[in-house]
PDB file of N, CA and C in Angstrom:
ATOM      1  N   UNK A   1      21.497  -1.401  -6.247  1.00  0.00           N
ATOM      2  CA  UNK A   1      20.133  -0.726  -6.077  1.00  0.00           C
ATOM      3  C   UNK A   1      19.563  -0.008  -4.642  1.00  0.00           C
ATOM      4  N   UNK A   2      18.950  -1.177  -5.113  1.00  0.00           N
ATOM      5  CA  UNK A   2      17.490  -1.021  -3.606  1.00  0.00           C
ATOM      6  C   UNK A   2      18.731  -1.862  -2.220  1.00  0.00           C
ATOM      7  N   UNK A   3      18.298  -1.455  -1.098  1.00  0.00           N
ATOM      8  CA  UNK A   3      18.738  -1.066   0.126  1.00  0.00           C
ATOM      9  C   UNK A   3      17.827  -2.654   0.204  1.00  0.00           C
ATOM     10  N   UNK A   4      17.174  -2.521   0.696  1.00  0.00           N
ATOM     11  CA  UNK A   4      15.693  -2.792   1.143  1.00  0.00           C
ATOM     12  C   UNK A   4      15.365  -3.857   0.544  1.00  0.00           C
ATOM     13  N   UNK A   5      15.298  -5.152   0.884  1.00  0.00           N
ATOM     14  CA  UNK A   5      14.873  -6.604  -0.127  1.00  0.00           C
ATOM     15  C   UNK A   5      13.324  -6.359  -0.254  1.00  0.00           C
ATOM     16  N   UNK A   6      12.406  -5.806   0.626  1.00  0.00           N
ATOM     17  CA  UNK A   6      10.838  -5.829   1.077  1.00  0.00           C
ATOM     18  C   UNK A   6      10.717  -4.606   0.158  1.00  0.00           C
ATOM     19  N   UNK A   7       9.287  -5.144  -1.190  1.00  0.00           N
ATOM     20  CA  UNK A   7       9.298  -4.202  -1.719  1.00  0.00           C
ATOM     21  C   UNK A   7       7.656  -3.846  -1.548  1.00  0.00           C
ATOM     22  N   UNK A   8       7.476  -2.664  -1.669  1.00  0.00           N
ATOM     23  CA  UNK A   8       5.524  -1.740  -1.670  1.00  0.00           C
ATOM     24  C   UNK A   8       4.743  -2.699  -1.106  1.00  0.00           C
ATOM     25  N   UNK A   9       4.434  -2.975  -2.552  1.00  0.00           N
ATOM     26  CA  UNK A   9       2.866  -3.926  -2.551  1.00  0.00           C
ATOM     27  C   UNK A   9       3.147  -4.988  -1.150  1.00  0.00           C
ATOM     28  N   UNK A  10       4.620  -5.567  -0.819  1.00  0.00           N
ATOM     29  CA  UNK A  10       4.608  -6.341   0.197  1.00  0.00           C
ATOM     30  C   UNK A  10       4.561  -6.138   1.308  1.00  0.00           C
ATOM     31  N   UNK A  11       4.731  -4.525   2.377  1.00  0.00           N
ATOM     32  CA  UNK A  11       4.725  -3.489   2.973  1.00  0.00           C
ATOM     33  C   UNK A  11       2.909  -3.228   2.904  1.00  0.00           C
ATOM     34  N   UNK A  12       2.231  -2.976   1.697  1.00  0.00           N
ATOM     35  CA  UNK A  12       0.795  -2.949   1.951  1.00  0.00           C
ATOM     36  C   UNK A  12       0.500  -4.002   1.939  1.00  0.00           C
ATOM     37  N   UNK A  13       1.032  -5.550   1.369  1.00  0.00           N
ATOM     38  CA  UNK A  13       0.174  -6.408   2.524  1.00  0.00           C
ATOM     39  C   UNK A  13      -0.069  -6.447   3.759  1.00  0.00           C
ATOM     40  N   UNK A  14       1.015  -6.027   4.508  1.00  0.00           N
ATOM     41  CA  UNK A  14       1.455  -6.623   5.460  1.00  0.00           C
ATOM     42  C   UNK A  14       0.885  -5.433   6.303  1.00  0.00           C
ATOM     43  N   UNK A  15       0.558  -4.710   6.226  1.00  0.00           N
ATOM     44  CA  UNK A  15      -0.708  -3.710   7.102  1.00  0.00           C
ATOM     45  C   UNK A  15      -1.125  -3.687   7.252  1.00  0.00           C
ATOM     46  N   UNK A  16      -1.856  -4.227   5.830  1.00  0.00           N
ATOM     47  CA  UNK A  16      -3.580  -3.895   5.556  1.00  0.00           C
ATOM     48  C   UNK A  16      -4.192  -5.428   5.725  1.00  0.00           C
ATOM     49  N   UNK A  17      -2.903  -6.932   6.970  1.00  0.00           N
ATOM     50  CA  UNK A  17      -2.826  -7.612   6.961  1.00  0.00           C
ATOM     51  C   UNK A  17      -3.528  -7.002   8.860  1.00  0.00           C
ATOM     52  N   UNK A  18      -2.753  -6.892   8.886  1.00  0.00           N
ATOM     53  CA  UNK A  18      -2.269  -5.996  10.049  1.00  0.00           C
ATOM     54  C   UNK A  18      -3.339  -5.812  11.247  1.00  0.00           C
ATOM     55  N   UNK A  19      -3.737  -4.452  10.308  1.00  0.00           N
ATOM     56  CA  UNK A  19      -5.037  -4.234  10.281  1.00  0.00           C
ATOM     57  C   UNK A  19      -6.539  -4.469  10.208  1.00  0.00           C
ATOM     58  N   UNK A  20      -6.143  -5.961   9.710  1.00  0.00           N
ATOM     59  CA  UNK A  20      -7.609  -7.469   9.555  1.00  0.00           C
ATOM     60  C   UNK A  20      -8.650  -6.376   7.949  1.00  0.00           C
ATOM     61  N   UNK A  21      -7.802  -5.417   7.330  1.00  0.00           N
ATOM     62  CA  UNK A  21      -8.329  -5.201   6.056  1.00  0.00           C
ATOM     63  C   UNK A  21      -8.375  -5.833   4.811  1.00  0.00           C
ATOM     64  N   UNK A  22      -9.867  -6.000   4.204  1.00  0.00           N
ATOM     65  CA  UNK A  22     -10.124  -6.751   2.869  1.00  0.00           C
ATOM     66  C   UNK A  22      -9.650  -5.419   1.605  1.00  0.00           C
ATOM     67  N   UNK A  23      -8.847  -6.012   0.460  1.00  0.00           N
ATOM     68  CA  UNK A  23      -8.071  -4.981  -0.512  1.00  0.00           C
ATOM     69  C   UNK A  23      -9.685  -4.271  -0.923  1.00  0.00           C
ATOM     70  N   UNK A  24     -10.709  -4.888  -0.896  1.00  0.00           N
ATOM     71  CA  UNK A  24     -11.477  -3.869  -1.282  1.00  0.00           C
ATOM     72  C   UNK A  24     -12.255  -3.243  -0.168  1.00  0.00           C
ATOM     73  N   UNK A  25     -12.248  -3.059   1.442  1.00  0.00           N
ATOM     74  CA  UNK A  25     -12.227  -2.617   2.177  1.00  0.00           C
ATOM     75  C   UNK A  25     -10.859  -1.141   2.374  1.00  0.00           C
ATOM     76  N   UNK A  26      -9.333  -1.190   2.225  1.00  0.00           N
ATOM     77  CA  UNK A  26      -8.579  -0.787   1.913  1.00  0.00           C
ATOM     78  C   UNK A  26      -8.498  -0.272   1.092  1.00  0.00           C
ATOM     79  N   UNK A  27      -8.993  -0.231  -0.239  1.00  0.00           N
ATOM     80  CA  UNK A  27     -10.134   0.856  -1.551  1.00  0.00           C
ATOM     81  C   UNK A  27     -10.217   2.214  -1.023  1.00  0.00           C
ATOM     82  N   UNK A  28     -11.650   1.417  -0.274  1.00  0.00           N
ATOM     83  CA  UNK A  28     -12.617   2.030   0.152  1.00  0.00           C
ATOM     84  C   UNK A  28     -11.598   3.565   1.679  1.00  0.00           C
ATOM     85  N   UNK A  29     -11.308   2.629   1.846  1.00  0.00           N
ATOM     86  CA  UNK A  29     -11.051   4.043   3.295  1.00  0.00           C
ATOM     87  C   UNK A  29      -9.644   4.895   2.554  1.00  0.00           C
ATOM     88  N   UNK A  30      -8.784   4.301   1.249  1.00  0.00           N
ATOM     89  CA  UNK A  30      -7.816   5.728   0.310  1.00  0.00           C
ATOM     90  C   UNK A  30      -8.340   5.985  -0.306  1.00  0.00           C
ATOM     91  N   UNK A  31      -9.219   5.815  -0.926  1.00  0.00           N
ATOM     92  CA  UNK A  31     -10.087   6.973  -1.766  1.00  0.00           C
ATOM     93  C   UNK A  31      -9.294   6.434  -3.215  1.00  0.00           C
ATOM     94  N   UNK A  32      -8.980   4.883  -3.608  1.00  0.00           N
ATOM     95  CA  UNK A  32      -8.239   4.868  -4.729  1.00  0.00           C
ATOM     96  C   UNK A  32      -9.359   3.360  -5.349  1.00  0.00           C
ATOM     97  N   UNK A  33      -8.930   4.109  -6.954  1.00  0.00           N
ATOM     98  CA  UNK A  33      -9.621   2.225  -6.854  1.00  0.00           C
ATOM     99  C   UNK A  33      -9.401   1.273  -6.948  1.00  0.00           C
ATOM    100  N   UNK A  34     -10.046   0.225  -6.528  1.00  0.00           N
ATOM    101  CA  UNK A  34      -9.876  -1.572  -6.066  1.00  0.00           C
ATOM    102  C   UNK A  34      -9.087  -2.106  -7.239  1.00  0.00           C
ATOM    103  N   UNK A  35      -8.942  -1.361  -8.354  1.00  0.00           N
ATOM    104  CA  UNK A  35      -7.858  -2.148  -9.012  1.00  0.00           C
ATOM    105  C   UNK A  35      -7.140  -1.884  -8.504  1.00  0.00           C
ATOM    106  N   UNK A  36      -6.804  -0.273  -8.207  1.00  0.00           N
ATOM    107  CA  UNK A  36      -5.404  -0.105  -8.726  1.00  0.00           C
ATOM    108  C   UNK A  36      -4.560  -0.870  -7.463  1.00  0.00           C
ATOM    109  N   UNK A  37      -4.999  -1.165  -5.936  1.00  0.00           N
ATOM    110  CA  UNK A  37      -3.840  -1.317  -4.844  1.00  0.00           C
ATOM    111  C   UNK A  37      -4.241  -3.011  -5.273  1.00  0.00           C
ATOM    112  N   UNK A  38      -5.050  -3.947  -5.856  1.00  0.00           N
ATOM    113  CA  UNK A  38      -4.862  -4.736  -6.301  1.00  0.00           C
ATOM    114  C   UNK A  38      -3.920  -4.762  -7.354  1.00  0.00           C
ATOM    115  N   UNK A  39      -3.557  -4.028  -8.570  1.00  0.00           N
ATOM    116  CA  UNK A  39      -1.950  -4.048  -9.707  1.00  0.00           C
ATOM    117  C   UNK A  39      -0.992  -3.628  -8.622  1.00  0.00           C
ATOM    118  N   UNK A  40      -1.321  -2.624  -7.329  1.00  0.00           N
ATOM    119  CA  UNK A  40       0.252  -2.631  -6.610  1.00  0.00           C
ATOM    120  C   UNK A  40       0.797  -4.121  -5.801  1.00  0.00           C
ATOM    121  N   UNK A  41      -0.926  -4.261  -5.419  1.00  0.00           N
ATOM    122  CA  UNK A  41      -0.532  -5.834  -3.916  1.00  0.00           C
ATOM    123  C   UNK A  41       0.479  -7.044  -5.680  1.00  0.00           C
ATOM    124  N   UNK A  42      -0.021  -6.886  -6.165  1.00  0.00           N
ATOM    125  CA  UNK A  42       0.677  -7.928  -7.144  1.00  0.00           C
ATOM    126  C   UNK A  42       1.744  -7.373  -8.285  1.00  0.00           C
ATOM    127  N   UNK A  43       1.559  -6.538  -7.931  1.00  0.00           N
ATOM    128  CA  UNK A  43       3.338  -5.733  -8.868  1.00  0.00           C
ATOM    129  C   UNK A  43       2.606  -5.465 -10.509  1.00  0.00           C
ATOM    130  N   UNK A  44       2.339  -5.886  -9.972  1.00  0.00           N
ATOM    131  CA  UNK A  44       1.747  -5.320 -12.269  1.00  0.00           C
ATOM    132  C   UNK A  44       2.432  -3.521 -12.058  1.00  0.00           C
ATOM    133  N   UNK A  45       1.388  -2.563 -10.729  1.00  0.00           N
ATOM    134  CA  UNK A  45       2.462  -1.155 -10.607  1.00  0.00           C
ATOM    135  C   UNK A  45       3.422  -1.703 -10.362  1.00  0.00           C
ATOM    136  N   UNK A  46       4.795  -1.912  -9.944  1.00  0.00           N
ATOM    137  CA  UNK A  46       5.895  -1.188  -9.245  1.00  0.00           C
ATOM    138  C   UNK A  46       6.354  -0.380  -8.117  1.00  0.00           C
ATOM    139  N   UNK A  47       5.489   0.826  -9.186  1.00  0.00           N
ATOM    140  CA  UNK A  47       6.321   2.045  -8.439  1.00  0.00           C
ATOM    141  C   UNK A  47       4.819   3.005  -9.072  1.00  0.00           C
ATOM    142  N   UNK A  48       4.092   3.069  -7.223  1.00  0.00           N
ATOM    143  CA  UNK A  48       2.812   3.844  -7.307  1.00  0.00           C
ATOM    144  C   UNK A  48       3.720   5.294  -6.877  1.00  0.00           C
ATOM    145  N   UNK A  49       2.602   6.279  -8.058  1.00  0.00           N
ATOM    146  CA  UNK A  49       2.001   7.688  -6.968  1.00  0.00           C
ATOM    147  C   UNK A  49       2.094   8.111  -5.801  1.00  0.00           C
ATOM    148  N   UNK A  50       3.438   9.374  -5.533  1.00  0.00           N
ATOM    149  CA  UNK A  50       3.042   9.938  -4.506  1.00  0.00           C
ATOM    150  C   UNK A  50       1.789  10.199  -3.456  1.00  0.00           C
ATOM    151  N   UNK A  51       1.218  10.430  -4.535  1.00  0.00           N
ATOM    152  CA  UNK A  51       0.107  10.584  -4.044  1.00  0.00           C
ATOM    153  C   UNK A  51      -0.760   9.354  -4.095  1.00  0.00           C
ATOM    154  N   UNK A  52      -0.562   8.739  -4.409  1.00  0.00           N
ATOM    155  CA  UNK A  52      -1.920   7.075  -3.995  1.00  0.00           C
ATOM    156  C   UNK A  52      -0.511   6.008  -2.776  1.00  0.00           C
ATOM    157  N   UNK A  53       0.677   6.164  -2.807  1.00  0.00           N
ATOM    158  CA  UNK A  53       1.755   6.220  -0.984  1.00  0.00           C
ATOM    159  C   UNK A  53       0.194   6.685  -0.417  1.00  0.00           C
ATOM    160  N   UNK A  54       0.202   8.268  -0.168  1.00  0.00           N
ATOM    161  CA  UNK A  54      -0.302   8.955   0.760  1.00  0.00           C
ATOM    162  C   UNK A  54      -1.433   9.112   0.943  1.00  0.00           C
ATOM    163  N   UNK A  55      -2.312   8.117   0.246  1.00  0.00           N
ATOM    164  CA  UNK A  55      -3.409   7.651   0.338  1.00  0.00           C
ATOM    165  C   UNK A  55      -3.370   5.653   1.581  1.00  0.00           C
ATOM    166  N   UNK A  56      -3.210   5.216   0.107  1.00  0.00           N
ATOM    167  CA  UNK A  56      -3.330   4.850   1.190  1.00  0.00           C
ATOM    168  C   UNK A  56      -2.331   4.141   2.580  1.00  0.00           C
ATOM    169  N   UNK A  57      -1.313   5.226   2.795  1.00  0.00           N
ATOM    170  CA  UNK A  57      -0.627   5.473   3.865  1.00  0.00           C
ATOM    171  C   UNK A  57      -2.039   5.648   5.229  1.00  0.00           C
ATOM    172  N   UNK A  58      -2.611   6.009   4.617  1.00  0.00           N
ATOM    173  CA  UNK A  58      -4.008   7.457   5.275  1.00  0.00           C
ATOM    174  C   UNK A  58      -5.026   6.417   5.499  1.00  0.00           C
ATOM    175  N   UNK A  59      -5.652   5.436   4.638  1.00  0.00           N
ATOM    176  CA  UNK A  59      -6.238   4.632   4.518  1.00  0.00           C
ATOM    177  C   UNK A  59      -5.782   2.755   5.593  1.00  0.00           C
ATOM    178  N   UNK A  60      -5.160   3.324   6.145  1.00  0.00           N
ATOM    179  CA  UNK A  60      -4.120   2.324   6.442  1.00  0.00           C
ATOM    180  C   UNK A  60      -4.145   2.934   7.999  1.00  0.00           C
ATOM    181  N   UNK A  61      -4.270   4.221   7.957  1.00  0.00           N
ATOM    182  CA  UNK A  61      -3.972   4.653   9.408  1.00  0.00           C
ATOM    183  C   UNK A  61      -2.667   4.477  10.152  1.00  0.00           C
ATOM    184  N   UNK A  62      -1.444   4.523   8.887  1.00  0.00           N
ATOM    185  CA  UNK A  62       0.190   4.516   9.257  1.00  0.00           C
ATOM    186  C   UNK A  62       0.500   5.684   8.572  1.00  0.00           C
ATOM    187  N   UNK A  63       2.356   5.890   8.940  1.00  0.00           N
ATOM    188  CA  UNK A  63       2.774   7.139   8.548  1.00  0.00           C
ATOM    189  C   UNK A  63       3.131   6.760   6.968  1.00  0.00           C
ATOM    190  N   UNK A  64       3.840   7.646   5.878  1.00  0.00           N
ATOM    191  CA  UNK A  64       4.665   7.183   4.402  1.00  0.00           C
ATOM    192  C   UNK A  64       5.845   6.588   5.175  1.00  0.00           C
ATOM    193  N   UNK A  65       6.306   7.414   6.141  1.00  0.00           N
ATOM    194  CA  UNK A  65       7.595   6.353   6.828  1.00  0.00           C
ATOM    195  C   UNK A  65       7.427   5.000   7.398  1.00  0.00           C
ATOM    196  N   UNK A  66       6.103   4.319   8.422  1.00  0.00           N
ATOM    197  CA  UNK A  66       5.689   3.630   8.169  1.00  0.00           C
ATOM    198  C   UNK A  66       5.619   2.419   7.160  1.00  0.00           C
ATOM    199  N   UNK A  67       4.859   3.045   6.255  1.00  0.00           N
ATOM    200  CA  UNK A  67       4.594   2.440   5.390  1.00  0.00           C
ATOM    201  C   UNK A  67       5.684   1.544   4.055  1.00  0.00           C
ATOM    202  N   UNK A  68       6.429   3.045   3.971  1.00  0.00           N
ATOM    203  CA  UNK A  68       8.008   2.608   2.954  1.00  0.00           C
ATOM    204  C   UNK A  68       8.982   1.839   3.436  1.00  0.00           C
ATOM    205  N   UNK A  69       9.256   2.405   4.783  1.00  0.00           N
ATOM    206  CA  UNK A  69      10.213   2.003   5.526  1.00  0.00           C
ATOM    207  C   UNK A  69      10.633   0.517   6.360  1.00  0.00           C
ATOM    208  N   UNK A  70      11.141  -0.281   6.964  1.00  0.00           N
ATOM    209  CA  UNK A  70      11.305  -1.433   7.409  1.00  0.00           C
ATOM    210  C   UNK A  70      11.168  -0.843   8.660  1.00  0.00           C
TER     211      UNK A  70
END
């Protein structure tokens, strides 16, 4: 069903590494708990809320479109 083979967790990790951020640094920039980010990146949380995705995109300095689309 899903066209894109890259998961949201992989995209977040990609952008975080591109920006040279640790999980801790990104969680602070995104104003979300570190554990939440860690769970998303490790695929424990497979479908984070749109609010969380918006915060992560803002913390990364990218658009939501850049974050969720290849």
